[in-house]
Amino acid sequence: MTLMEPATVLSISVGAILVGVTGVAIYMSFGPPSKELDDPFEDHED
């Protein structure tokens, strides 16, 4: 059994975290939780 290089493991881990955070951000922005978001520019129309 051969183990991966530490740099490869770190790169894959950082990439997986980045993809996960991006996915959660897109879900929060455009998914069902977006209904609770507030638009500050709409609240202060003059």
N, C-alpha and C. Protein backbone atom coordinates (compact mmCIF):
# COMPACT_ATOMS: atom_id res chain seq x y z
N MET A 1 0.85 -1.19 0.00
CA MET A 1 0.00 0.00 0.00
C MET A 1 0.89 1.24 0.00
N THR A 2 0.64 2.15 -0.92
CA THR A 2 1.42 3.39 -0.98
C THR A 2 0.58 4.54 -0.49
N LEU A 3 1.20 5.40 0.29
CA LEU A 3 0.51 6.57 0.82
C LEU A 3 0.75 7.76 -0.11
N MET A 4 -0.19 8.68 -0.11
CA MET A 4 -0.03 9.88 -0.93
C MET A 4 0.94 10.84 -0.26
N GLU A 5 1.52 11.68 -1.07
CA GLU A 5 2.41 12.72 -0.54
C GLU A 5 1.60 13.68 0.33
N PRO A 6 2.21 14.22 1.37
CA PRO A 6 1.48 15.19 2.22
C PRO A 6 0.99 16.41 1.44
N ALA A 7 1.73 16.86 0.46
CA ALA A 7 1.30 18.02 -0.33
C ALA A 7 0.04 17.69 -1.14
N THR A 8 -0.05 16.46 -1.62
CA THR A 8 -1.24 16.05 -2.38
C THR A 8 -2.46 15.99 -1.46
N VAL A 9 -2.28 15.44 -0.27
CA VAL A 9 -3.38 15.36 0.68
C VAL A 9 -3.84 16.77 1.06
N LEU A 10 -2.90 17.67 1.30
CA LEU A 10 -3.24 19.05 1.65
C LEU A 10 -3.97 19.74 0.50
N SER A 11 -3.50 19.54 -0.71
CA SER A 11 -4.15 20.16 -1.87
C SER A 11 -5.58 19.66 -2.05
N ILE A 12 -5.78 18.36 -1.90
CA ILE A 12 -7.12 17.80 -2.05
C ILE A 12 -8.02 18.31 -0.92
N SER A 13 -7.49 18.41 0.29
CA SER A 13 -8.28 18.89 1.43
C SER A 13 -8.70 20.34 1.23
N VAL A 14 -7.77 21.18 0.83
CA VAL A 14 -8.08 22.60 0.61
C VAL A 14 -9.09 22.74 -0.52
N GLY A 15 -8.94 21.96 -1.59
CA GLY A 15 -9.88 22.00 -2.70
C GLY A 15 -11.28 21.57 -2.28
N ALA A 16 -11.36 20.51 -1.46
CA ALA A 16 -12.66 20.03 -1.00
C ALA A 16 -13.34 21.06 -0.10
N ILE A 17 -12.57 21.70 0.77
CA ILE A 17 -13.14 22.74 1.63
C ILE A 17 -13.63 23.91 0.80
N LEU A 18 -12.86 24.31 -0.20
CA LEU A 18 -13.24 25.42 -1.06
C LEU A 18 -14.54 25.11 -1.82
N VAL A 19 -14.63 23.91 -2.35
CA VAL A 19 -15.85 23.52 -3.07
C VAL A 19 -17.05 23.47 -2.11
N GLY A 20 -16.83 22.98 -0.89
CA GLY A 20 -17.90 22.93 0.10
C GLY A 20 -18.40 24.30 0.50
N VAL A 21 -17.48 25.22 0.76
CA VAL A 21 -17.87 26.58 1.16
C VAL A 21 -18.60 27.27 0.00
N THR A 22 -18.13 27.06 -1.21
CA THR A 22 -18.79 27.66 -2.38
C THR A 22 -20.20 27.10 -2.54
N GLY A 23 -20.35 25.80 -2.35
CA GLY A 23 -21.67 25.18 -2.45
C GLY A 23 -22.64 25.71 -1.41
N VAL A 24 -22.18 25.86 -0.18
CA VAL A 24 -23.04 26.40 0.88
C VAL A 24 -23.41 27.85 0.58
N ALA A 25 -22.47 28.64 0.08
CA ALA A 25 -22.75 30.04 -0.24
C ALA A 25 -23.78 30.15 -1.36
N ILE A 26 -23.67 29.31 -2.37
CA ILE A 26 -24.65 29.34 -3.47
C ILE A 26 -26.02 28.90 -2.95
N TYR A 27 -26.05 27.87 -2.10
CA TYR A 27 -27.32 27.41 -1.53
C TYR A 27 -27.97 28.51 -0.69
N MET A 28 -27.18 29.19 0.13
CA MET A 28 -27.72 30.24 0.98
C MET A 28 -28.20 31.44 0.14
N SER A 29 -27.54 31.70 -0.98
CA SER A 29 -27.89 32.86 -1.81
C SER A 29 -29.10 32.62 -2.69
N PHE A 30 -29.24 31.42 -3.23
CA PHE A 30 -30.28 31.17 -4.21
C PHE A 30 -31.29 30.11 -3.80
N GLY A 31 -31.03 29.37 -2.74
CA GLY A 31 -31.92 28.30 -2.30
C GLY A 31 -33.03 28.83 -1.40
N PRO A 32 -33.73 27.93 -0.73
CA PRO A 32 -34.83 28.32 0.16
C PRO A 32 -34.44 29.31 1.26
N PRO A 33 -33.24 29.23 1.85
CA PRO A 33 -32.90 30.21 2.90
C PRO A 33 -32.82 31.65 2.38
N SER A 34 -32.74 31.84 1.06
CA SER A 34 -32.63 33.20 0.52
C SER A 34 -33.90 34.02 0.75
N LYS A 35 -35.01 33.35 1.04
CA LYS A 35 -36.26 34.08 1.29
C LYS A 35 -36.16 34.94 2.54
N GLU A 36 -35.27 34.55 3.48
CA GLU A 36 -35.12 35.30 4.73
C GLU A 36 -34.12 36.45 4.61
N LEU A 37 -33.40 36.52 3.47
CA LEU A 37 -32.43 37.59 3.30
C LEU A 37 -33.14 38.93 3.12
N ASP A 38 -32.52 39.98 3.58
CA ASP A 38 -33.11 41.32 3.53
C ASP A 38 -32.28 42.20 2.60
N ASP A 39 -32.94 43.00 1.79
CA ASP A 39 -32.25 43.91 0.88
C ASP A 39 -32.25 45.31 1.50
N PRO A 40 -31.10 45.79 1.98
CA PRO A 40 -31.07 47.09 2.64
C PRO A 40 -31.42 48.24 1.70
N PHE A 41 -31.19 48.09 0.40
CA PHE A 41 -31.50 49.17 -0.53
C PHE A 41 -33.01 49.30 -0.75
N GLU A 42 -33.74 48.19 -0.66
CA GLU A 42 -35.19 48.23 -0.77
C GLU A 42 -35.82 48.88 0.45
N ASP A 43 -35.21 48.71 1.61
CA ASP A 43 -35.75 49.24 2.85
C ASP A 43 -35.65 50.76 2.94
N HIS A 44 -34.69 51.36 2.22
CA HIS A 44 -34.42 52.79 2.37
C HIS A 44 -34.63 53.56 1.07
N GLU A 45 -35.68 53.23 0.35
CA GLU A 45 -35.96 53.99 -0.87
C GLU A 45 -36.50 55.36 -0.52
N ASP A 46 -36.00 56.36 -1.19
CA ASP A 46 -36.44 57.74 -0.90
C ASP A 46 -37.35 58.25 -1.99
